[in-house]
Amino acid sequence: MGADLIVFIVKGPATISPEATAEAIKAAEKVSSFVKQITEKAYDDDNDEDQVWEELMEAWETTPLAHLNVDYFDDFSDLERLEVDAKEVVEEFVEHWNSGELFRDESTRPDPDDETQRIHVAGELSWGDEPEGNGYQALKQLSDLNAFKALGFR
C-alpha cells in the first residue's frame, strides 16, 4: 500500500480568449444557479428535504448536474460547494492560466504538435484524500461547474 498520484491533465489553448471566458461563465452560472435554486427549495421549511433530494436523484440526468457522477453526492451539503460566484471563479482561473504563473502543484508545457495549445497537469501524491493544491482544486471546481468545454479543455 502506498501513495497514489492524483491529477488533472488537460489540453487547452495557450491563451484563453474573452469569448471562451464568457461561454465558460455562462456554463458555470447555469450549474451554480441550479444548485442555489435546488438547495433553497430543499431548505425551505415548507418542503421535505428528503423528498426534494429523491426528486433530484430521479431527475439527475436531465439537470445541469448531469455531467457529474451522482454517486459522489450523498446529500445537499455535498452540492453546496458548487454554490459559488461562477463569474469570479472563471475569471480568476482565466487570469491565472493566461498569466503563465503556476501554483506549486502545477506543471505545463507547450503541445509539441500544436503551439497554440498547451498540456497542463495539476495534482499531488495522496494517501486516499483528495489533493488540496490550488491548481488541482481550481481545475476540479471548473470541471464540476461544467466549464471545461467552453474553455477549450480536452
N, C-alpha and C. Protein backbone atom coordinates (compact mmCIF):
# COMPACT_ATOMS: atom_id res chain seq x y z
N MET A 1 0.85 -1.17 0.00
CA MET A 1 0.00 0.00 0.00
C MET A 1 0.90 1.24 0.00
N GLY A 2 0.53 2.21 -0.79
CA GLY A 2 1.33 3.42 -0.86
C GLY A 2 0.50 4.58 -1.35
N ALA A 3 1.19 5.66 -1.57
CA ALA A 3 0.53 6.88 -2.06
C ALA A 3 0.23 6.75 -3.54
N ASP A 4 -0.80 7.43 -3.97
CA ASP A 4 -1.18 7.48 -5.38
C ASP A 4 -1.03 8.91 -5.86
N LEU A 5 -0.69 9.05 -7.13
CA LEU A 5 -0.63 10.37 -7.75
C LEU A 5 -2.01 10.65 -8.35
N ILE A 6 -2.66 11.70 -7.86
CA ILE A 6 -3.98 12.08 -8.33
C ILE A 6 -3.85 13.43 -9.01
N VAL A 7 -4.21 13.49 -10.30
CA VAL A 7 -4.00 14.72 -11.07
C VAL A 7 -5.15 14.97 -12.04
N PHE A 8 -5.23 16.21 -12.47
CA PHE A 8 -5.99 16.58 -13.66
C PHE A 8 -4.96 16.79 -14.75
N ILE A 9 -5.21 16.27 -15.92
CA ILE A 9 -4.38 16.55 -17.09
C ILE A 9 -5.31 17.13 -18.13
N VAL A 10 -5.05 18.34 -18.55
CA VAL A 10 -5.89 18.97 -19.56
C VAL A 10 -5.02 19.50 -20.69
N LYS A 11 -5.61 19.49 -21.86
CA LYS A 11 -5.01 20.13 -23.02
C LYS A 11 -5.93 21.30 -23.35
N GLY A 12 -5.35 22.47 -23.46
CA GLY A 12 -6.17 23.64 -23.71
C GLY A 12 -5.40 24.71 -24.45
N PRO A 13 -6.07 25.80 -24.76
CA PRO A 13 -5.43 26.87 -25.52
C PRO A 13 -4.29 27.51 -24.71
N ALA A 14 -3.26 27.94 -25.41
CA ALA A 14 -2.16 28.62 -24.74
C ALA A 14 -2.68 29.87 -24.01
N THR A 15 -3.63 30.54 -24.62
CA THR A 15 -4.28 31.70 -24.01
C THR A 15 -5.78 31.54 -24.18
N ILE A 16 -6.51 31.69 -23.09
CA ILE A 16 -7.97 31.57 -23.14
C ILE A 16 -8.54 32.92 -23.58
N SER A 17 -9.37 32.89 -24.60
CA SER A 17 -9.93 34.12 -25.18
C SER A 17 -11.05 34.69 -24.34
N PRO A 18 -11.35 35.97 -24.52
CA PRO A 18 -12.51 36.57 -23.83
C PRO A 18 -13.83 35.87 -24.20
N GLU A 19 -13.94 35.43 -25.44
CA GLU A 19 -15.16 34.74 -25.88
C GLU A 19 -15.32 33.41 -25.14
N ALA A 20 -14.23 32.67 -25.03
CA ALA A 20 -14.27 31.39 -24.31
C ALA A 20 -14.57 31.63 -22.83
N THR A 21 -14.01 32.69 -22.29
CA THR A 21 -14.26 33.04 -20.89
C THR A 21 -15.75 33.31 -20.67
N ALA A 22 -16.35 34.08 -21.56
CA ALA A 22 -17.78 34.39 -21.45
C ALA A 22 -18.62 33.12 -21.53
N GLU A 23 -18.28 32.21 -22.43
CA GLU A 23 -19.02 30.95 -22.55
C GLU A 23 -18.86 30.09 -21.30
N ALA A 24 -17.66 30.08 -20.75
CA ALA A 24 -17.41 29.30 -19.52
C ALA A 24 -18.20 29.88 -18.35
N ILE A 25 -18.28 31.19 -18.28
CA ILE A 25 -19.06 31.83 -17.22
C ILE A 25 -20.53 31.43 -17.34
N LYS A 26 -21.05 31.44 -18.57
CA LYS A 26 -22.45 31.03 -18.78
C LYS A 26 -22.68 29.59 -18.31
N ALA A 27 -21.77 28.69 -18.70
CA ALA A 27 -21.90 27.28 -18.32
C ALA A 27 -21.83 27.11 -16.81
N ALA A 28 -20.88 27.80 -16.18
CA ALA A 28 -20.70 27.69 -14.73
C ALA A 28 -21.88 28.30 -13.98
N GLU A 29 -22.39 29.42 -14.47
CA GLU A 29 -23.54 30.05 -13.82
C GLU A 29 -24.78 29.17 -13.89
N LYS A 30 -24.92 28.43 -14.97
CA LYS A 30 -26.06 27.52 -15.11
C LYS A 30 -26.04 26.47 -14.00
N VAL A 31 -24.87 25.91 -13.74
CA VAL A 31 -24.73 24.90 -12.68
C VAL A 31 -24.94 25.54 -11.32
N SER A 32 -24.23 26.64 -11.07
CA SER A 32 -24.26 27.29 -9.77
C SER A 32 -25.67 27.79 -9.42
N SER A 33 -26.34 28.40 -10.38
CA SER A 33 -27.69 28.91 -10.08
C SER A 33 -28.67 27.76 -9.87
N PHE A 34 -28.51 26.65 -10.58
CA PHE A 34 -29.37 25.49 -10.37
C PHE A 34 -29.17 24.95 -8.95
N VAL A 35 -27.92 24.84 -8.54
CA VAL A 35 -27.63 24.33 -7.19
C VAL A 35 -28.23 25.25 -6.14
N LYS A 36 -28.09 26.56 -6.33
CA LYS A 36 -28.65 27.51 -5.38
C LYS A 36 -30.17 27.34 -5.30
N GLN A 37 -30.80 27.22 -6.46
CA GLN A 37 -32.25 27.07 -6.51
C GLN A 37 -32.71 25.78 -5.82
N ILE A 38 -32.03 24.68 -6.10
CA ILE A 38 -32.47 23.40 -5.54
C ILE A 38 -32.18 23.32 -4.04
N THR A 39 -31.07 23.90 -3.58
CA THR A 39 -30.78 23.88 -2.15
C THR A 39 -31.74 24.79 -1.39
N GLU A 40 -32.08 25.93 -1.97
CA GLU A 40 -33.07 26.81 -1.32
C GLU A 40 -34.41 26.09 -1.19
N LYS A 41 -34.79 25.37 -2.24
CA LYS A 41 -36.05 24.60 -2.20
C LYS A 41 -35.98 23.54 -1.10
N ALA A 42 -34.84 22.87 -1.00
CA ALA A 42 -34.70 21.79 -0.01
C ALA A 42 -34.74 22.32 1.41
N TYR A 43 -34.13 23.47 1.63
CA TYR A 43 -34.04 24.01 2.98
C TYR A 43 -35.24 24.87 3.37
N ASP A 44 -36.16 25.07 2.44
CA ASP A 44 -37.39 25.81 2.74
C ASP A 44 -38.22 24.99 3.73
N ASP A 45 -38.72 25.64 4.75
CA ASP A 45 -39.49 24.95 5.79
C ASP A 45 -40.75 24.28 5.25
N ASP A 46 -41.24 24.74 4.11
CA ASP A 46 -42.46 24.17 3.54
C ASP A 46 -42.19 22.88 2.76
N ASN A 47 -40.92 22.53 2.57
CA ASN A 47 -40.58 21.35 1.78
C ASN A 47 -39.90 20.29 2.64
N ASP A 48 -40.05 19.05 2.22
CA ASP A 48 -39.37 17.94 2.87
C ASP A 48 -38.03 17.75 2.16
N GLU A 49 -36.93 17.99 2.86
CA GLU A 49 -35.60 17.92 2.27
C GLU A 49 -35.33 16.56 1.62
N ASP A 50 -35.74 15.48 2.28
CA ASP A 50 -35.52 14.14 1.73
C ASP A 50 -36.30 13.94 0.43
N GLN A 51 -37.50 14.47 0.36
CA GLN A 51 -38.31 14.34 -0.85
C GLN A 51 -37.68 15.13 -2.00
N VAL A 52 -37.20 16.33 -1.71
CA VAL A 52 -36.54 17.13 -2.74
C VAL A 52 -35.29 16.41 -3.23
N TRP A 53 -34.53 15.78 -2.32
CA TRP A 53 -33.33 15.03 -2.71
C TRP A 53 -33.71 13.85 -3.60
N GLU A 54 -34.76 13.13 -3.23
CA GLU A 54 -35.23 12.00 -4.03
C GLU A 54 -35.61 12.45 -5.44
N GLU A 55 -36.33 13.54 -5.53
CA GLU A 55 -36.73 14.08 -6.84
C GLU A 55 -35.51 14.46 -7.67
N LEU A 56 -34.52 15.06 -7.02
CA LEU A 56 -33.30 15.44 -7.72
C LEU A 56 -32.58 14.19 -8.25
N MET A 57 -32.48 13.16 -7.44
CA MET A 57 -31.80 11.93 -7.86
C MET A 57 -32.51 11.30 -9.06
N GLU A 58 -33.83 11.31 -9.04
CA GLU A 58 -34.60 10.73 -10.14
C GLU A 58 -34.42 11.52 -11.43
N ALA A 59 -34.23 12.83 -11.32
CA ALA A 59 -34.14 13.69 -12.50
C ALA A 59 -32.69 14.07 -12.84
N TRP A 60 -31.72 13.51 -12.13
CA TRP A 60 -30.31 13.93 -12.24
C TRP A 60 -29.85 14.11 -13.68
N GLU A 61 -30.12 13.14 -14.53
CA GLU A 61 -29.61 13.15 -15.91
C GLU A 61 -30.21 14.26 -16.77
N THR A 62 -31.26 14.89 -16.29
CA THR A 62 -31.91 15.96 -17.06
C THR A 62 -31.61 17.34 -16.47
N THR A 63 -30.72 17.39 -15.48
CA THR A 63 -30.40 18.66 -14.81
C THR A 63 -29.05 19.19 -15.28
N PRO A 64 -28.70 20.41 -14.93
CA PRO A 64 -27.37 20.94 -15.26
C PRO A 64 -26.24 20.21 -14.53
N LEU A 65 -26.58 19.23 -13.69
CA LEU A 65 -25.57 18.45 -12.97
C LEU A 65 -25.28 17.12 -13.64
N ALA A 66 -25.88 16.86 -14.78
CA ALA A 66 -25.79 15.55 -15.43
C ALA A 66 -24.35 15.15 -15.76
N HIS A 67 -23.45 16.12 -15.92
CA HIS A 67 -22.05 15.81 -16.24
C HIS A 67 -21.29 15.26 -15.03
N LEU A 68 -21.87 15.34 -13.84
CA LEU A 68 -21.24 14.88 -12.62
C LEU A 68 -21.71 13.47 -12.26
N ASN A 69 -20.85 12.70 -11.62
CA ASN A 69 -21.19 11.36 -11.18
C ASN A 69 -22.08 11.45 -9.94
N VAL A 70 -23.29 11.05 -10.06
CA VAL A 70 -24.27 11.14 -8.98
C VAL A 70 -23.82 10.39 -7.74
N ASP A 71 -22.99 9.37 -7.90
CA ASP A 71 -22.55 8.56 -6.77
C ASP A 71 -21.67 9.33 -5.78
N TYR A 72 -21.15 10.49 -6.19
CA TYR A 72 -20.30 11.28 -5.30
C TYR A 72 -21.10 12.24 -4.42
N PHE A 73 -22.40 12.20 -4.52
CA PHE A 73 -23.24 13.11 -3.77
C PHE A 73 -24.19 12.33 -2.86
N ASP A 74 -24.10 12.62 -1.57
CA ASP A 74 -24.94 11.92 -0.60
C ASP A 74 -26.11 12.77 -0.11
N ASP A 75 -25.91 14.09 -0.10
CA ASP A 75 -26.98 14.98 0.36
C ASP A 75 -26.67 16.40 -0.12
N PHE A 76 -27.50 17.33 0.28
CA PHE A 76 -27.36 18.71 -0.21
C PHE A 76 -26.06 19.37 0.23
N SER A 77 -25.51 18.95 1.35
CA SER A 77 -24.25 19.55 1.79
C SER A 77 -23.13 19.29 0.77
N ASP A 78 -23.22 18.18 0.04
CA ASP A 78 -22.22 17.88 -0.99
C ASP A 78 -22.36 18.81 -2.20
N LEU A 79 -23.55 19.33 -2.42
CA LEU A 79 -23.79 20.23 -3.55
C LEU A 79 -23.41 21.68 -3.25
N GLU A 80 -23.40 22.03 -1.99
CA GLU A 80 -23.21 23.42 -1.61
C GLU A 80 -21.88 24.01 -2.10
N ARG A 81 -20.86 23.16 -2.32
CA ARG A 81 -19.58 23.66 -2.81
C ARG A 81 -19.68 24.22 -4.23
N LEU A 82 -20.78 23.91 -4.91
CA LEU A 82 -20.99 24.43 -6.27
C LEU A 82 -21.78 25.73 -6.27
N GLU A 83 -22.18 26.15 -5.10
CA GLU A 83 -22.95 27.39 -4.96
C GLU A 83 -21.96 28.53 -4.79
N VAL A 84 -21.38 28.97 -5.91
CA VAL A 84 -20.30 29.96 -5.89
C VAL A 84 -20.62 31.11 -6.84
N ASP A 85 -19.80 32.14 -6.78
CA ASP A 85 -19.89 33.22 -7.75
C ASP A 85 -19.15 32.72 -8.99
N ALA A 86 -19.89 32.14 -9.92
CA ALA A 86 -19.30 31.49 -11.08
C ALA A 86 -18.45 32.44 -11.92
N LYS A 87 -18.90 33.65 -12.07
CA LYS A 87 -18.16 34.64 -12.86
C LYS A 87 -16.78 34.87 -12.24
N GLU A 88 -16.76 35.06 -10.94
CA GLU A 88 -15.49 35.29 -10.24
C GLU A 88 -14.56 34.08 -10.35
N VAL A 89 -15.10 32.88 -10.17
CA VAL A 89 -14.30 31.66 -10.24
C VAL A 89 -13.65 31.53 -11.61
N VAL A 90 -14.44 31.69 -12.67
CA VAL A 90 -13.92 31.54 -14.02
C VAL A 90 -12.92 32.64 -14.33
N GLU A 91 -13.25 33.88 -14.03
CA GLU A 91 -12.35 34.99 -14.34
C GLU A 91 -11.01 34.86 -13.61
N GLU A 92 -11.04 34.45 -12.34
CA GLU A 92 -9.80 34.27 -11.60
C GLU A 92 -8.95 33.16 -12.21
N PHE A 93 -9.59 32.06 -12.62
CA PHE A 93 -8.84 30.98 -13.22
C PHE A 93 -8.24 31.42 -14.55
N VAL A 94 -9.02 32.09 -15.38
CA VAL A 94 -8.53 32.52 -16.69
C VAL A 94 -7.35 33.48 -16.52
N GLU A 95 -7.44 34.37 -15.57
CA GLU A 95 -6.33 35.29 -15.30
C GLU A 95 -5.07 34.49 -14.91
N HIS A 96 -5.27 33.49 -14.05
CA HIS A 96 -4.15 32.63 -13.64
C HIS A 96 -3.57 31.88 -14.84
N TRP A 97 -4.42 31.27 -15.63
CA TRP A 97 -3.99 30.48 -16.80
C TRP A 97 -3.23 31.36 -17.79
N ASN A 98 -3.80 32.51 -18.11
CA ASN A 98 -3.19 33.38 -19.11
C ASN A 98 -1.91 34.04 -18.62
N SER A 99 -1.73 34.15 -17.31
CA SER A 99 -0.52 34.79 -16.77
C SER A 99 0.70 33.91 -16.93
N GLY A 100 0.50 32.61 -17.04
CA GLY A 100 1.62 31.68 -17.14
C GLY A 100 2.24 31.34 -15.80
N GLU A 101 1.78 31.99 -14.74
CA GLU A 101 2.28 31.66 -13.40
C GLU A 101 1.65 30.34 -12.96
N LEU A 102 2.38 29.59 -12.16
CA LEU A 102 1.90 28.27 -11.74
C LEU A 102 1.81 28.18 -10.22
N PHE A 103 0.82 27.42 -9.76
CA PHE A 103 0.77 27.05 -8.36
C PHE A 103 1.79 25.94 -8.14
N ARG A 104 2.11 25.65 -6.90
CA ARG A 104 3.13 24.65 -6.58
C ARG A 104 2.77 23.26 -7.10
N ASP A 105 1.49 22.97 -7.28
CA ASP A 105 1.07 21.63 -7.71
C ASP A 105 0.78 21.56 -9.21
N GLU A 106 1.27 22.53 -9.99
CA GLU A 106 1.00 22.57 -11.43
C GLU A 106 2.29 22.47 -12.24
N SER A 107 2.12 21.94 -13.44
CA SER A 107 3.19 21.92 -14.43
C SER A 107 2.53 22.08 -15.79
N THR A 108 3.20 22.76 -16.69
CA THR A 108 2.62 22.97 -18.01
C THR A 108 3.73 22.96 -19.06
N ARG A 109 3.36 22.65 -20.28
CA ARG A 109 4.31 22.69 -21.40
C ARG A 109 3.54 22.90 -22.69
N PRO A 110 4.18 23.48 -23.67
CA PRO A 110 3.51 23.64 -24.96
C PRO A 110 3.22 22.27 -25.58
N ASP A 111 2.12 22.17 -26.28
CA ASP A 111 1.82 20.94 -27.01
C ASP A 111 2.81 20.85 -28.17
N PRO A 112 3.59 19.78 -28.25
CA PRO A 112 4.59 19.69 -29.32
C PRO A 112 3.98 19.59 -30.72
N ASP A 113 2.71 19.22 -30.80
CA ASP A 113 2.06 19.09 -32.10
C ASP A 113 1.26 20.32 -32.50
N ASP A 114 1.06 21.25 -31.56
CA ASP A 114 0.25 22.43 -31.85
C ASP A 114 0.64 23.55 -30.88
N GLU A 115 1.39 24.51 -31.36
CA GLU A 115 1.91 25.56 -30.49
C GLU A 115 0.82 26.49 -29.93
N THR A 116 -0.40 26.40 -30.44
CA THR A 116 -1.48 27.22 -29.90
C THR A 116 -2.13 26.56 -28.68
N GLN A 117 -1.69 25.36 -28.35
CA GLN A 117 -2.24 24.59 -27.24
C GLN A 117 -1.14 24.32 -26.21
N ARG A 118 -1.57 24.01 -25.00
CA ARG A 118 -0.60 23.54 -24.01
C ARG A 118 -1.19 22.40 -23.20
N ILE A 119 -0.31 21.60 -22.64
CA ILE A 119 -0.69 20.48 -21.81
C ILE A 119 -0.40 20.88 -20.37
N HIS A 120 -1.38 20.69 -19.52
CA HIS A 120 -1.32 21.22 -18.16
C HIS A 120 -1.67 20.10 -17.18
N VAL A 121 -0.86 19.96 -16.13
CA VAL A 121 -1.07 18.93 -15.12
C VAL A 121 -1.13 19.61 -13.76
N ALA A 122 -2.09 19.19 -12.94
CA ALA A 122 -2.19 19.71 -11.57
C ALA A 122 -2.60 18.57 -10.65
N GLY A 123 -1.89 18.40 -9.56
CA GLY A 123 -2.22 17.36 -8.60
C GLY A 123 -1.05 17.07 -7.70
N GLU A 124 -1.20 15.99 -6.92
CA GLU A 124 -0.15 15.65 -5.98
C GLU A 124 -0.34 14.23 -5.48
N LEU A 125 0.64 13.74 -4.73
CA LEU A 125 0.52 12.43 -4.11
C LEU A 125 -0.57 12.46 -3.06
N SER A 126 -1.24 11.34 -2.92
CA SER A 126 -2.33 11.26 -1.95
C SER A 126 -2.30 9.89 -1.28
N TRP A 127 -2.65 9.89 -0.02
CA TRP A 127 -2.79 8.64 0.73
C TRP A 127 -4.27 8.31 0.87
N GLY A 128 -5.08 8.80 -0.04
CA GLY A 128 -6.51 8.50 -0.03
C GLY A 128 -7.39 9.73 -0.03
N ASP A 129 -6.82 10.86 0.36
CA ASP A 129 -7.60 12.09 0.36
C ASP A 129 -7.49 12.76 -1.01
N GLU A 130 -8.40 13.67 -1.26
CA GLU A 130 -8.34 14.46 -2.48
C GLU A 130 -7.19 15.47 -2.37
N PRO A 131 -6.44 15.69 -3.44
CA PRO A 131 -5.38 16.70 -3.40
C PRO A 131 -5.91 18.07 -2.99
N GLU A 132 -5.12 18.78 -2.20
CA GLU A 132 -5.54 20.07 -1.68
C GLU A 132 -4.88 21.24 -2.40
N GLY A 133 -3.97 20.98 -3.33
CA GLY A 133 -3.25 22.06 -4.01
C GLY A 133 -4.18 22.99 -4.78
N ASN A 134 -3.77 24.23 -4.90
CA ASN A 134 -4.59 25.24 -5.58
C ASN A 134 -4.87 24.91 -7.04
N GLY A 135 -3.88 24.39 -7.74
CA GLY A 135 -4.07 24.06 -9.15
C GLY A 135 -5.10 22.95 -9.34
N TYR A 136 -4.97 21.88 -8.56
CA TYR A 136 -5.92 20.77 -8.63
C TYR A 136 -7.33 21.24 -8.27
N GLN A 137 -7.44 21.97 -7.17
CA GLN A 137 -8.76 22.42 -6.71
C GLN A 137 -9.41 23.37 -7.72
N ALA A 138 -8.61 24.22 -8.37
CA ALA A 138 -9.17 25.13 -9.37
C ALA A 138 -9.72 24.35 -10.57
N LEU A 139 -8.96 23.38 -11.05
CA LEU A 139 -9.43 22.58 -12.19
C LEU A 139 -10.64 21.73 -11.80
N LYS A 140 -10.63 21.18 -10.60
CA LYS A 140 -11.78 20.39 -10.14
C LYS A 140 -13.04 21.25 -10.09
N GLN A 141 -12.90 22.46 -9.56
CA GLN A 141 -14.06 23.34 -9.47
C GLN A 141 -14.59 23.69 -10.85
N LEU A 142 -13.71 23.98 -11.79
CA LEU A 142 -14.15 24.29 -13.15
C LEU A 142 -14.80 23.09 -13.82
N SER A 143 -14.26 21.91 -13.58
CA SER A 143 -14.86 20.69 -14.12
C SER A 143 -16.25 20.48 -13.53
N ASP A 144 -16.36 20.64 -12.21
CA ASP A 144 -17.65 20.47 -11.55
C ASP A 144 -18.67 21.50 -12.04
N LEU A 145 -18.20 22.69 -12.37
CA LEU A 145 -19.09 23.75 -12.86
C LEU A 145 -19.35 23.63 -14.37
N ASN A 146 -18.83 22.58 -14.97
CA ASN A 146 -19.07 22.28 -16.39
C ASN A 146 -18.50 23.34 -17.33
N ALA A 147 -17.35 23.91 -16.97
CA ALA A 147 -16.76 24.97 -17.76
C ALA A 147 -15.63 24.49 -18.68
N PHE A 148 -15.23 23.24 -18.57
CA PHE A 148 -14.08 22.76 -19.35
C PHE A 148 -14.25 22.93 -20.86
N LYS A 149 -15.37 22.47 -21.38
CA LYS A 149 -15.58 22.50 -22.83
C LYS A 149 -15.56 23.93 -23.35
N ALA A 150 -16.21 24.82 -22.64
CA ALA A 150 -16.26 26.23 -23.07
C ALA A 150 -14.88 26.87 -23.06
N LEU A 151 -14.01 26.43 -22.14
CA LEU A 151 -12.65 26.97 -22.07
C LEU A 151 -11.74 26.35 -23.14
N GLY A 152 -12.21 25.34 -23.81
CA GLY A 152 -11.42 24.68 -24.84
C GLY A 152 -10.55 23.57 -24.30
N PHE A 153 -10.88 23.07 -23.09
CA PHE A 153 -10.10 21.99 -22.49
C PHE A 153 -10.58 20.64 -22.99
N ARG A 154 -9.61 19.77 -23.17
CA ARG A 154 -9.92 18.38 -23.51
C ARG A 154 -9.17 17.50 -22.54
